[in-house]
Amino acid sequence: MKPTLFHFVSKSLAEQFPLLPRLWQNFIGLLLFCLILMILDYSGEPGITINVKPTDTSAYANKEITPYPGGTVYLQGQLKIAKPTLTQAFLFPGRFTGIDLVTLLCISAGCIIMIIALPKLQQQHLFRKDISSILRLLGFLILFHGVFFLFRTISYLPGEVERLTNHAFTCIRNFPLIIWIELYAGLILLATASIYKKAMQLQEEKDLTI
């Protein structure tokens, strides 16, 4: 059978990818690291804490604490919830990392997916295994986290903090630009999974024909 560009690229990448075993080990390490972070965040002293600032309609809004020649310090603070609900425990930032539990779980799930996927790309198996379902699963996971993070940052956290403080304070937030990049990455993975599956089907049909 005459070598094709597909086979040439496959062989070249297989020879140039000795890092795959190391990547596999790194994802195992990242998974263990996430588990350690979860233990640190949700063990020891009970309760959760979040940085807050006065709402625009609050009596504390624009209240100066100390003026300096180069600027002014305005009133801000921390809201500590001694006995958080299950939803608050999952969606509020962790005490040690500042990362919510759902995000840590999504990262852990992504590590598990990569740990399963990487051995399928080893050496002679590169481009010979159909990993479209794994790519699709990873894409949906990334999209889920992106949508969740937008909901958490834009809707849930401000509303929950305002509810707990009688609308006197709200959470401090920034425009989540990185999340829009994450959403695009998820869509690209889904598109790649479809293209990969179609390419594998065409390759299988070609092999059967030959």
N, C-alpha and C. Protein backbone atom coordinates (compact mmCIF):
# COMPACT_ATOMS: atom_id res chain seq x y z
N MET A 1 0.85 -1.20 0.00
CA MET A 1 0.00 0.00 0.00
C MET A 1 0.89 1.24 0.00
N LYS A 2 0.60 2.17 -0.88
CA LYS A 2 1.38 3.38 -1.00
C LYS A 2 1.14 4.29 0.19
N PRO A 3 2.23 4.78 0.84
CA PRO A 3 2.05 5.66 2.00
C PRO A 3 1.31 6.94 1.60
N THR A 4 0.42 7.35 2.46
CA THR A 4 -0.33 8.58 2.24
C THR A 4 0.16 9.66 3.19
N LEU A 5 -0.28 10.89 2.96
CA LEU A 5 0.09 11.99 3.86
C LEU A 5 -0.39 11.70 5.28
N PHE A 6 -1.56 11.05 5.40
CA PHE A 6 -2.11 10.71 6.71
C PHE A 6 -1.15 9.79 7.46
N HIS A 7 -0.65 8.75 6.77
CA HIS A 7 0.27 7.81 7.41
C HIS A 7 1.61 8.46 7.73
N PHE A 8 2.07 9.36 6.84
CA PHE A 8 3.34 10.04 7.08
C PHE A 8 3.25 10.91 8.33
N VAL A 9 2.17 11.70 8.45
CA VAL A 9 1.99 12.55 9.63
C VAL A 9 1.84 11.70 10.88
N SER A 10 1.10 10.59 10.76
CA SER A 10 0.91 9.71 11.90
C SER A 10 2.23 9.16 12.41
N LYS A 11 3.06 8.67 11.47
CA LYS A 11 4.33 8.08 11.87
C LYS A 11 5.27 9.14 12.45
N SER A 12 5.29 10.32 11.83
CA SER A 12 6.17 11.39 12.30
C SER A 12 5.81 11.82 13.71
N LEU A 13 4.51 12.01 13.95
CA LEU A 13 4.08 12.42 15.29
C LEU A 13 4.35 11.33 16.31
N ALA A 14 4.17 10.09 15.92
CA ALA A 14 4.43 8.99 16.85
C ALA A 14 5.89 8.97 17.28
N GLU A 15 6.79 9.28 16.32
CA GLU A 15 8.21 9.29 16.64
C GLU A 15 8.62 10.52 17.43
N GLN A 16 7.89 11.60 17.24
CA GLN A 16 8.26 12.86 17.88
C GLN A 16 7.50 13.11 19.18
N PHE A 17 6.75 12.13 19.66
CA PHE A 17 5.92 12.35 20.84
C PHE A 17 6.32 11.48 22.02
N PRO A 18 7.60 11.49 22.43
CA PRO A 18 7.96 10.72 23.62
C PRO A 18 7.42 11.33 24.91
N LEU A 19 6.84 12.52 24.81
CA LEU A 19 6.33 13.19 26.00
C LEU A 19 4.98 12.64 26.46
N LEU A 20 4.33 11.83 25.63
CA LEU A 20 3.01 11.32 26.01
C LEU A 20 3.00 10.59 27.35
N PRO A 21 3.98 9.70 27.61
CA PRO A 21 3.99 9.06 28.93
C PRO A 21 4.15 10.06 30.07
N ARG A 22 4.96 11.09 29.84
CA ARG A 22 5.14 12.12 30.87
C ARG A 22 3.85 12.91 31.08
N LEU A 23 3.16 13.22 29.98
CA LEU A 23 1.88 13.92 30.10
C LEU A 23 0.91 13.08 30.92
N TRP A 24 0.90 11.79 30.67
CA TRP A 24 0.02 10.88 31.42
C TRP A 24 0.33 10.96 32.90
N GLN A 25 1.60 10.95 33.26
CA GLN A 25 2.00 11.04 34.66
C GLN A 25 1.65 12.41 35.24
N ASN A 26 1.80 13.46 34.42
CA ASN A 26 1.47 14.81 34.90
C ASN A 26 -0.01 14.96 35.21
N PHE A 27 -0.86 14.33 34.38
CA PHE A 27 -2.30 14.41 34.67
C PHE A 27 -2.66 13.62 35.92
N ILE A 28 -1.96 12.54 36.18
CA ILE A 28 -2.17 11.81 37.44
C ILE A 28 -1.76 12.71 38.61
N GLY A 29 -0.61 13.40 38.46
CA GLY A 29 -0.18 14.32 39.50
C GLY A 29 -1.16 15.45 39.72
N LEU A 30 -1.70 16.01 38.62
CA LEU A 30 -2.67 17.09 38.73
C LEU A 30 -3.95 16.61 39.42
N LEU A 31 -4.36 15.39 39.12
CA LEU A 31 -5.54 14.82 39.77
C LEU A 31 -5.32 14.70 41.27
N LEU A 32 -4.16 14.19 41.68
CA LEU A 32 -3.85 14.08 43.10
C LEU A 32 -3.76 15.46 43.75
N PHE A 33 -3.21 16.43 43.01
CA PHE A 33 -3.10 17.79 43.53
C PHE A 33 -4.48 18.39 43.78
N CYS A 34 -5.43 18.15 42.86
CA CYS A 34 -6.80 18.64 43.05
C CYS A 34 -7.45 18.01 44.30
N LEU A 35 -7.18 16.74 44.50
CA LEU A 35 -7.73 16.06 45.68
C LEU A 35 -7.16 16.66 46.96
N ILE A 36 -5.87 16.99 46.94
CA ILE A 36 -5.25 17.62 48.11
C ILE A 36 -5.86 18.99 48.36
N LEU A 37 -6.08 19.77 47.30
CA LEU A 37 -6.69 21.10 47.44
C LEU A 37 -8.09 21.00 48.02
N MET A 38 -8.85 20.01 47.59
CA MET A 38 -10.20 19.83 48.13
C MET A 38 -10.15 19.50 49.61
N ILE A 39 -9.19 18.69 50.00
CA ILE A 39 -9.05 18.35 51.42
C ILE A 39 -8.67 19.59 52.23
N LEU A 40 -7.75 20.39 51.70
CA LEU A 40 -7.33 21.60 52.40
C LEU A 40 -8.47 22.61 52.52
N ASP A 41 -9.28 22.72 51.47
CA ASP A 41 -10.37 23.71 51.47
C ASP A 41 -11.50 23.32 52.42
N TYR A 42 -11.77 22.04 52.53
CA TYR A 42 -12.98 21.62 53.23
C TYR A 42 -12.68 20.74 54.44
N SER A 43 -11.52 20.99 55.05
CA SER A 43 -11.20 20.34 56.32
C SER A 43 -10.70 21.42 57.28
N GLY A 44 -10.66 21.10 58.52
CA GLY A 44 -10.20 22.07 59.51
C GLY A 44 -11.32 22.98 59.97
N GLU A 45 -11.02 24.27 60.01
CA GLU A 45 -11.98 25.25 60.52
C GLU A 45 -13.22 25.30 59.63
N PRO A 46 -14.41 25.18 60.23
CA PRO A 46 -15.64 25.20 59.43
C PRO A 46 -15.96 26.61 58.93
N GLY A 47 -16.80 26.66 57.91
CA GLY A 47 -17.23 27.94 57.37
C GLY A 47 -16.49 28.32 56.11
N ILE A 48 -17.07 29.29 55.38
CA ILE A 48 -16.47 29.81 54.15
C ILE A 48 -16.45 31.33 54.20
N THR A 49 -15.49 31.92 53.48
CA THR A 49 -15.32 33.37 53.50
C THR A 49 -15.21 33.89 52.07
N ILE A 50 -15.82 35.04 51.81
CA ILE A 50 -15.76 35.65 50.48
C ILE A 50 -15.58 37.16 50.63
N ASN A 51 -14.76 37.74 49.76
CA ASN A 51 -14.55 39.19 49.77
C ASN A 51 -15.80 39.89 49.21
N VAL A 52 -16.21 40.96 49.87
CA VAL A 52 -17.41 41.69 49.46
C VAL A 52 -17.13 43.19 49.43
N LYS A 53 -18.02 43.91 48.75
CA LYS A 53 -17.96 45.37 48.71
C LYS A 53 -19.38 45.91 48.81
N PRO A 54 -19.55 47.16 49.23
CA PRO A 54 -20.91 47.72 49.34
C PRO A 54 -21.59 47.81 47.98
N THR A 55 -22.89 47.62 47.95
CA THR A 55 -23.65 47.82 46.72
C THR A 55 -23.80 49.32 46.46
N ASP A 56 -24.21 49.65 45.25
CA ASP A 56 -24.34 51.07 44.88
C ASP A 56 -25.41 51.78 45.69
N THR A 57 -26.41 51.05 46.18
CA THR A 57 -27.51 51.67 46.94
C THR A 57 -27.31 51.55 48.44
N SER A 58 -26.19 50.98 48.87
CA SER A 58 -25.93 50.77 50.29
C SER A 58 -25.48 52.06 50.97
N ALA A 59 -25.73 52.14 52.26
CA ALA A 59 -25.27 53.30 53.04
C ALA A 59 -23.75 53.30 53.16
N TYR A 60 -23.12 52.16 52.88
CA TYR A 60 -21.67 52.06 52.97
C TYR A 60 -20.98 52.36 51.64
N ALA A 61 -21.75 52.62 50.60
CA ALA A 61 -21.18 52.84 49.26
C ALA A 61 -20.28 54.07 49.25
N ASN A 62 -19.10 53.93 48.64
CA ASN A 62 -18.13 55.03 48.49
C ASN A 62 -17.72 55.64 49.83
N LYS A 63 -17.77 54.84 50.88
CA LYS A 63 -17.36 55.33 52.20
C LYS A 63 -15.84 55.26 52.31
N GLU A 64 -15.22 56.41 52.52
CA GLU A 64 -13.76 56.47 52.58
C GLU A 64 -13.27 55.97 53.93
N ILE A 65 -12.19 55.17 53.89
CA ILE A 65 -11.56 54.70 55.12
C ILE A 65 -10.35 55.57 55.45
N THR A 66 -9.45 55.69 54.48
CA THR A 66 -8.24 56.50 54.68
C THR A 66 -7.82 57.13 53.35
N PRO A 67 -7.68 58.45 53.31
CA PRO A 67 -7.17 59.10 52.09
C PRO A 67 -5.65 59.15 52.09
N TYR A 68 -5.07 58.94 50.93
CA TYR A 68 -3.62 59.05 50.77
C TYR A 68 -3.34 60.00 49.62
N PRO A 69 -2.12 60.55 49.54
CA PRO A 69 -1.81 61.45 48.41
C PRO A 69 -1.99 60.77 47.05
N GLY A 70 -1.71 59.47 46.99
CA GLY A 70 -1.81 58.77 45.71
C GLY A 70 -3.14 58.11 45.46
N GLY A 71 -4.05 58.14 46.41
CA GLY A 71 -5.35 57.49 46.24
C GLY A 71 -6.10 57.39 47.55
N THR A 72 -7.25 56.75 47.51
CA THR A 72 -8.12 56.64 48.68
C THR A 72 -8.53 55.19 48.87
N VAL A 73 -8.56 54.75 50.14
CA VAL A 73 -9.02 53.42 50.48
C VAL A 73 -10.50 53.50 50.84
N TYR A 74 -11.31 52.69 50.14
CA TYR A 74 -12.74 52.67 50.39
C TYR A 74 -13.12 51.41 51.17
N LEU A 75 -14.27 51.46 51.79
CA LEU A 75 -14.74 50.37 52.63
C LEU A 75 -15.00 49.11 51.80
N GLN A 76 -14.40 48.02 52.22
CA GLN A 76 -14.69 46.69 51.71
C GLN A 76 -14.60 45.74 52.89
N GLY A 77 -14.80 44.47 52.65
CA GLY A 77 -14.75 43.55 53.78
C GLY A 77 -14.84 42.10 53.36
N GLN A 78 -15.08 41.23 54.33
CA GLN A 78 -15.23 39.81 54.09
C GLN A 78 -16.51 39.32 54.75
N LEU A 79 -17.23 38.49 54.03
CA LEU A 79 -18.43 37.86 54.57
C LEU A 79 -18.06 36.42 54.93
N LYS A 80 -18.24 36.07 56.19
CA LYS A 80 -17.95 34.71 56.64
C LYS A 80 -19.26 34.01 56.99
N ILE A 81 -19.46 32.85 56.38
CA ILE A 81 -20.66 32.04 56.63
C ILE A 81 -20.23 30.87 57.50
N ALA A 82 -20.69 30.87 58.75
CA ALA A 82 -20.24 29.85 59.70
C ALA A 82 -20.77 28.46 59.35
N LYS A 83 -22.03 28.40 58.93
CA LYS A 83 -22.64 27.11 58.61
C LYS A 83 -23.24 27.18 57.20
N PRO A 84 -22.40 27.00 56.17
CA PRO A 84 -22.89 27.10 54.79
C PRO A 84 -23.80 25.94 54.42
N THR A 85 -24.73 26.21 53.53
CA THR A 85 -25.57 25.15 52.98
C THR A 85 -24.74 24.32 51.99
N LEU A 86 -25.31 23.23 51.51
CA LEU A 86 -24.59 22.38 50.56
C LEU A 86 -24.30 23.14 49.26
N THR A 87 -25.27 23.93 48.81
CA THR A 87 -25.07 24.72 47.59
C THR A 87 -23.96 25.75 47.78
N GLN A 88 -23.96 26.42 48.91
CA GLN A 88 -22.92 27.41 49.20
C GLN A 88 -21.56 26.75 49.29
N ALA A 89 -21.50 25.57 49.88
CA ALA A 89 -20.22 24.86 50.00
C ALA A 89 -19.65 24.49 48.63
N PHE A 90 -20.52 24.21 47.67
CA PHE A 90 -20.08 23.83 46.33
C PHE A 90 -19.73 25.04 45.47
N LEU A 91 -20.45 26.15 45.64
CA LEU A 91 -20.32 27.28 44.71
C LEU A 91 -19.50 28.44 45.23
N PHE A 92 -19.36 28.58 46.55
CA PHE A 92 -18.54 29.66 47.09
C PHE A 92 -17.06 29.27 46.99
N PRO A 93 -16.16 30.26 46.92
CA PRO A 93 -14.72 29.93 46.82
C PRO A 93 -14.23 29.21 48.06
N GLY A 94 -13.27 28.30 47.86
CA GLY A 94 -12.70 27.56 48.98
C GLY A 94 -11.86 28.45 49.88
N ARG A 95 -11.74 28.05 51.13
CA ARG A 95 -11.04 28.87 52.11
C ARG A 95 -9.54 28.97 51.81
N PHE A 96 -8.93 27.90 51.33
CA PHE A 96 -7.48 27.88 51.10
C PHE A 96 -7.12 28.29 49.69
N THR A 97 -7.84 27.81 48.69
CA THR A 97 -7.47 28.04 47.29
C THR A 97 -8.22 29.20 46.65
N GLY A 98 -9.39 29.54 47.17
CA GLY A 98 -10.23 30.54 46.51
C GLY A 98 -10.92 29.99 45.28
N ILE A 99 -10.88 28.67 45.09
CA ILE A 99 -11.52 28.00 43.95
C ILE A 99 -12.72 27.22 44.46
N ASP A 100 -13.84 27.31 43.75
CA ASP A 100 -15.03 26.60 44.18
C ASP A 100 -14.87 25.10 43.95
N LEU A 101 -15.66 24.33 44.68
CA LEU A 101 -15.55 22.87 44.64
C LEU A 101 -15.93 22.30 43.28
N VAL A 102 -16.93 22.89 42.62
CA VAL A 102 -17.35 22.40 41.31
C VAL A 102 -16.22 22.51 40.30
N THR A 103 -15.47 23.62 40.33
CA THR A 103 -14.34 23.79 39.42
C THR A 103 -13.27 22.73 39.67
N LEU A 104 -12.97 22.46 40.94
CA LEU A 104 -11.99 21.43 41.26
C LEU A 104 -12.45 20.06 40.78
N LEU A 105 -13.75 19.80 40.92
CA LEU A 105 -14.29 18.52 40.44
C LEU A 105 -14.22 18.42 38.92
N CYS A 106 -14.47 19.54 38.22
CA CYS A 106 -14.37 19.55 36.76
C CYS A 106 -12.93 19.32 36.31
N ILE A 107 -11.98 19.95 36.99
CA ILE A 107 -10.57 19.72 36.65
C ILE A 107 -10.20 18.26 36.89
N SER A 108 -10.68 17.69 37.99
CA SER A 108 -10.40 16.29 38.29
C SER A 108 -11.00 15.38 37.22
N ALA A 109 -12.23 15.68 36.80
CA ALA A 109 -12.86 14.88 35.76
C ALA A 109 -12.10 14.99 34.44
N GLY A 110 -11.63 16.21 34.12
CA GLY A 110 -10.83 16.39 32.92
C GLY A 110 -9.53 15.59 32.97
N CYS A 111 -8.91 15.54 34.15
CA CYS A 111 -7.68 14.74 34.31
C CYS A 111 -7.97 13.26 34.08
N ILE A 112 -9.09 12.78 34.60
CA ILE A 112 -9.45 11.37 34.43
C ILE A 112 -9.66 11.06 32.95
N ILE A 113 -10.34 11.98 32.24
CA ILE A 113 -10.56 11.78 30.80
C ILE A 113 -9.24 11.72 30.05
N MET A 114 -8.29 12.61 30.38
CA MET A 114 -7.00 12.62 29.71
C MET A 114 -6.18 11.39 30.07
N ILE A 115 -6.29 10.94 31.31
CA ILE A 115 -5.56 9.73 31.72
C ILE A 115 -6.05 8.53 30.91
N ILE A 116 -7.35 8.51 30.60
CA ILE A 116 -7.90 7.42 29.78
C ILE A 116 -7.52 7.59 28.32
N ALA A 117 -7.48 8.85 27.84
CA ALA A 117 -7.27 9.10 26.41
C ALA A 117 -5.82 8.95 25.98
N LEU A 118 -4.88 9.40 26.79
CA LEU A 118 -3.49 9.44 26.37
C LEU A 118 -2.91 8.08 25.99
N PRO A 119 -3.18 7.00 26.73
CA PRO A 119 -2.63 5.70 26.29
C PRO A 119 -3.10 5.28 24.90
N LYS A 120 -4.25 5.78 24.46
CA LYS A 120 -4.76 5.44 23.12
C LYS A 120 -3.96 6.12 22.02
N LEU A 121 -3.12 7.09 22.39
CA LEU A 121 -2.33 7.82 21.41
C LEU A 121 -0.87 7.39 21.40
N GLN A 122 -0.56 6.29 22.08
CA GLN A 122 0.82 5.87 22.20
C GLN A 122 1.35 5.30 20.88
N GLN A 123 2.48 5.80 20.47
CA GLN A 123 3.28 5.27 19.38
C GLN A 123 2.44 4.79 18.19
N GLN A 124 2.40 3.47 17.95
CA GLN A 124 1.75 2.96 16.75
C GLN A 124 0.24 3.14 16.76
N HIS A 125 -0.33 3.48 17.92
CA HIS A 125 -1.78 3.65 18.00
C HIS A 125 -2.21 5.07 17.63
N LEU A 126 -1.24 5.95 17.40
CA LEU A 126 -1.58 7.33 17.09
C LEU A 126 -2.39 7.40 15.81
N PHE A 127 -3.54 8.06 15.86
CA PHE A 127 -4.47 8.21 14.74
C PHE A 127 -5.06 6.87 14.27
N ARG A 128 -4.93 5.83 15.10
CA ARG A 128 -5.51 4.54 14.73
C ARG A 128 -6.66 4.16 15.66
N LYS A 129 -6.83 4.90 16.72
CA LYS A 129 -7.91 4.64 17.67
C LYS A 129 -8.94 5.76 17.57
N ASP A 130 -10.19 5.38 17.63
CA ASP A 130 -11.26 6.37 17.57
C ASP A 130 -11.47 6.95 18.97
N ILE A 131 -10.96 8.16 19.17
CA ILE A 131 -11.10 8.81 20.47
C ILE A 131 -12.09 9.98 20.38
N SER A 132 -12.94 9.95 19.35
CA SER A 132 -13.89 11.05 19.18
C SER A 132 -14.84 11.16 20.36
N SER A 133 -15.25 10.03 20.94
CA SER A 133 -16.16 10.08 22.09
C SER A 133 -15.49 10.71 23.29
N ILE A 134 -14.20 10.46 23.47
CA ILE A 134 -13.46 11.06 24.59
C ILE A 134 -13.30 12.56 24.36
N LEU A 135 -12.98 12.95 23.13
CA LEU A 135 -12.87 14.38 22.82
C LEU A 135 -14.20 15.09 23.02
N ARG A 136 -15.28 14.42 22.62
CA ARG A 136 -16.61 15.01 22.78
C ARG A 136 -16.95 15.17 24.26
N LEU A 137 -16.62 14.16 25.05
CA LEU A 137 -16.89 14.23 26.49
C LEU A 137 -16.10 15.36 27.13
N LEU A 138 -14.84 15.51 26.73
CA LEU A 138 -14.02 16.60 27.26
C LEU A 138 -14.57 17.95 26.83
N GLY A 139 -15.05 18.04 25.59
CA GLY A 139 -15.64 19.29 25.12
C GLY A 139 -16.88 19.67 25.90
N PHE A 140 -17.75 18.69 26.15
CA PHE A 140 -18.96 18.97 26.94
C PHE A 140 -18.61 19.36 28.37
N LEU A 141 -17.56 18.74 28.93
CA LEU A 141 -17.14 19.08 30.29
C LEU A 141 -16.67 20.52 30.35
N ILE A 142 -15.88 20.94 29.36
CA ILE A 142 -15.38 22.32 29.33
C ILE A 142 -16.53 23.31 29.15
N LEU A 143 -17.48 22.98 28.27
CA LEU A 143 -18.65 23.85 28.07
C LEU A 143 -19.48 23.94 29.34
N PHE A 144 -19.66 22.81 30.01
CA PHE A 144 -20.42 22.81 31.27
C PHE A 144 -19.77 23.73 32.29
N HIS A 145 -18.45 23.62 32.44
CA HIS A 145 -17.78 24.46 33.43
C HIS A 145 -17.85 25.94 33.04
N GLY A 146 -17.72 26.24 31.74
CA GLY A 146 -17.81 27.63 31.31
C GLY A 146 -19.17 28.25 31.62
N VAL A 147 -20.24 27.51 31.28
CA VAL A 147 -21.60 28.00 31.56
C VAL A 147 -21.82 28.10 33.07
N PHE A 148 -21.37 27.09 33.80
CA PHE A 148 -21.51 27.12 35.27
C PHE A 148 -20.79 28.32 35.86
N PHE A 149 -19.55 28.58 35.39
CA PHE A 149 -18.77 29.68 35.95
C PHE A 149 -19.43 31.03 35.68
N LEU A 150 -19.99 31.19 34.48
CA LEU A 150 -20.70 32.43 34.17
C LEU A 150 -21.91 32.60 35.08
N PHE A 151 -22.69 31.52 35.26
CA PHE A 151 -23.84 31.58 36.15
C PHE A 151 -23.42 31.90 37.58
N ARG A 152 -22.37 31.25 38.04
CA ARG A 152 -21.89 31.44 39.41
C ARG A 152 -21.40 32.86 39.62
N THR A 153 -20.62 33.39 38.66
CA THR A 153 -20.00 34.70 38.82
C THR A 153 -20.98 35.85 38.61
N ILE A 154 -21.83 35.72 37.60
CA ILE A 154 -22.71 36.83 37.23
C ILE A 154 -24.01 36.82 38.01
N SER A 155 -24.52 35.64 38.33
CA SER A 155 -25.85 35.56 38.94
C SER A 155 -25.84 35.08 40.39
N TYR A 156 -25.29 33.89 40.61
CA TYR A 156 -25.46 33.26 41.92
C TYR A 156 -24.74 34.00 43.06
N LEU A 157 -23.43 34.21 42.93
CA LEU A 157 -22.67 34.81 44.02
C LEU A 157 -23.15 36.22 44.39
N PRO A 158 -23.33 37.14 43.41
CA PRO A 158 -23.84 38.46 43.79
C PRO A 158 -25.21 38.39 44.46
N GLY A 159 -26.10 37.57 43.90
CA GLY A 159 -27.44 37.47 44.48
C GLY A 159 -27.43 36.87 45.87
N GLU A 160 -26.59 35.86 46.08
CA GLU A 160 -26.55 35.20 47.39
C GLU A 160 -25.94 36.11 48.46
N VAL A 161 -24.87 36.82 48.10
CA VAL A 161 -24.25 37.75 49.06
C VAL A 161 -25.21 38.89 49.40
N GLU A 162 -25.88 39.42 48.40
CA GLU A 162 -26.84 40.50 48.66
C GLU A 162 -28.00 40.00 49.52
N ARG A 163 -28.43 38.78 49.29
CA ARG A 163 -29.51 38.22 50.11
C ARG A 163 -29.07 38.06 51.56
N LEU A 164 -27.85 37.60 51.79
CA LEU A 164 -27.35 37.38 53.14
C LEU A 164 -27.06 38.68 53.88
N THR A 165 -26.79 39.76 53.14
CA THR A 165 -26.45 41.05 53.78
C THR A 165 -27.56 42.08 53.63
N ASN A 166 -28.76 41.62 53.31
CA ASN A 166 -29.89 42.54 53.12
C ASN A 166 -29.59 43.62 52.07
N HIS A 167 -28.93 43.21 51.00
CA HIS A 167 -28.61 44.07 49.86
C HIS A 167 -27.67 45.23 50.21
N ALA A 168 -26.90 45.08 51.30
CA ALA A 168 -25.93 46.10 51.67
C ALA A 168 -24.58 45.85 51.01
N PHE A 169 -24.27 44.57 50.73
CA PHE A 169 -22.99 44.22 50.13
C PHE A 169 -23.20 43.26 48.97
N THR A 170 -22.21 43.22 48.09
CA THR A 170 -22.20 42.27 46.99
C THR A 170 -20.78 41.75 46.83
N CYS A 171 -20.61 40.70 46.04
CA CYS A 171 -19.27 40.13 45.89
C CYS A 171 -18.44 40.95 44.90
N ILE A 172 -17.13 40.85 45.04
CA ILE A 172 -16.21 41.52 44.13
C ILE A 172 -16.00 40.62 42.92
N ARG A 173 -16.21 41.14 41.73
CA ARG A 173 -16.10 40.30 40.53
C ARG A 173 -15.44 41.08 39.41
N ASN A 174 -14.86 40.32 38.48
CA ASN A 174 -14.23 40.88 37.29
C ASN A 174 -14.84 40.22 36.05
N PHE A 175 -14.66 40.87 34.91
CA PHE A 175 -15.20 40.31 33.67
C PHE A 175 -14.46 39.00 33.36
N PRO A 176 -15.17 37.89 33.26
CA PRO A 176 -14.50 36.58 33.09
C PRO A 176 -14.10 36.31 31.65
N LEU A 177 -13.09 37.05 31.14
CA LEU A 177 -12.67 36.89 29.75
C LEU A 177 -12.16 35.48 29.49
N ILE A 178 -11.42 34.91 30.45
CA ILE A 178 -10.84 33.58 30.24
C ILE A 178 -11.93 32.53 30.05
N ILE A 179 -13.11 32.76 30.61
CA ILE A 179 -14.20 31.78 30.48
C ILE A 179 -14.74 31.77 29.05
N TRP A 180 -14.78 32.92 28.39
CA TRP A 180 -15.21 32.94 26.99
C TRP A 180 -14.23 32.16 26.13
N ILE A 181 -12.94 32.25 26.44
CA ILE A 181 -11.94 31.45 25.73
C ILE A 181 -12.18 29.96 26.00
N GLU A 182 -12.52 29.64 27.24
CA GLU A 182 -12.81 28.25 27.59
C GLU A 182 -14.03 27.72 26.83
N LEU A 183 -15.05 28.55 26.68
CA LEU A 183 -16.24 28.13 25.92
C LEU A 183 -15.89 27.87 24.46
N TYR A 184 -15.08 28.74 23.87
CA TYR A 184 -14.65 28.53 22.48
C TYR A 184 -13.83 27.25 22.36
N ALA A 185 -12.97 26.98 23.37
CA ALA A 185 -12.16 25.77 23.35
C ALA A 185 -13.05 24.53 23.39
N GLY A 186 -14.12 24.59 24.18
CA GLY A 186 -15.06 23.47 24.24
C GLY A 186 -15.74 23.24 22.90
N LEU A 187 -16.15 24.31 22.24
CA LEU A 187 -16.78 24.17 20.93
C LEU A 187 -15.80 23.61 19.90
N ILE A 188 -14.53 24.05 19.97
CA ILE A 188 -13.52 23.54 19.05
C ILE A 188 -13.30 22.05 19.27
N LEU A 189 -13.30 21.61 20.54
CA LEU A 189 -13.14 20.19 20.83
C LEU A 189 -14.29 19.37 20.27
N LEU A 190 -15.52 19.89 20.39
CA LEU A 190 -16.67 19.18 19.84
C LEU A 190 -16.57 19.08 18.32
N ALA A 191 -16.15 20.17 17.68
CA ALA A 191 -15.99 20.13 16.23
C ALA A 191 -14.87 19.16 15.83
N THR A 192 -13.78 19.17 16.60
CA THR A 192 -12.67 18.26 16.32
C THR A 192 -13.09 16.81 16.48
N ALA A 193 -13.92 16.53 17.49
CA ALA A 193 -14.40 15.16 17.70
C ALA A 193 -15.21 14.68 16.50
N SER A 194 -16.06 15.55 15.95
CA SER A 194 -16.86 15.18 14.77
C SER A 194 -15.97 14.92 13.56
N ILE A 195 -14.98 15.81 13.34
CA ILE A 195 -14.07 15.64 12.21
C ILE A 195 -13.24 14.37 12.39
N TYR A 196 -12.77 14.13 13.61
CA TYR A 196 -11.95 12.94 13.88
C TYR A 196 -12.75 11.66 13.61
N LYS A 197 -14.01 11.65 14.06
CA LYS A 197 -14.84 10.46 13.85
C LYS A 197 -15.07 10.21 12.36
N LYS A 198 -15.33 11.28 11.62
CA LYS A 198 -15.55 11.14 10.18
C LYS A 198 -14.29 10.67 9.48
N ALA A 199 -13.13 11.20 9.90
CA ALA A 199 -11.86 10.80 9.30
C ALA A 199 -11.57 9.33 9.57
N MET A 200 -11.88 8.88 10.79
CA MET A 200 -11.66 7.47 11.13
C MET A 200 -12.56 6.56 10.30
N GLN A 201 -13.80 6.98 10.09
CA GLN A 201 -14.73 6.18 9.28
C GLN A 201 -14.24 6.09 7.84
N LEU A 202 -13.75 7.21 7.29
CA LEU A 202 -13.23 7.20 5.92
C LEU A 202 -11.99 6.32 5.82
N GLN A 203 -11.13 6.37 6.85
CA GLN A 203 -9.93 5.54 6.85
C GLN A 203 -10.27 4.06 6.90
N GLU A 204 -11.28 3.70 7.74
CA GLU A 204 -11.70 2.32 7.84
C GLU A 204 -12.30 1.82 6.52
N GLU A 205 -13.10 2.68 5.87
CA GLU A 205 -13.66 2.30 4.56
C GLU A 205 -12.55 2.12 3.52
N LYS A 206 -11.55 2.98 3.59
CA LYS A 206 -10.44 2.88 2.65
C LYS A 206 -9.65 1.59 2.88
N ASP A 207 -9.40 1.26 4.15
CA ASP A 207 -8.68 0.03 4.48
C ASP A 207 -9.44 -1.20 4.02
N LEU A 208 -10.78 -1.19 4.19
CA LEU A 208 -11.58 -2.33 3.76
C LEU A 208 -11.58 -2.47 2.24
N THR A 209 -11.60 -1.33 1.56
CA THR A 209 -11.58 -1.35 0.10
C THR A 209 -10.28 -1.92 -0.44
N ILE A 210 -9.18 -1.53 0.23
CA ILE A 210 -7.88 -2.02 -0.20
C ILE A 210 -7.71 -3.50 0.18
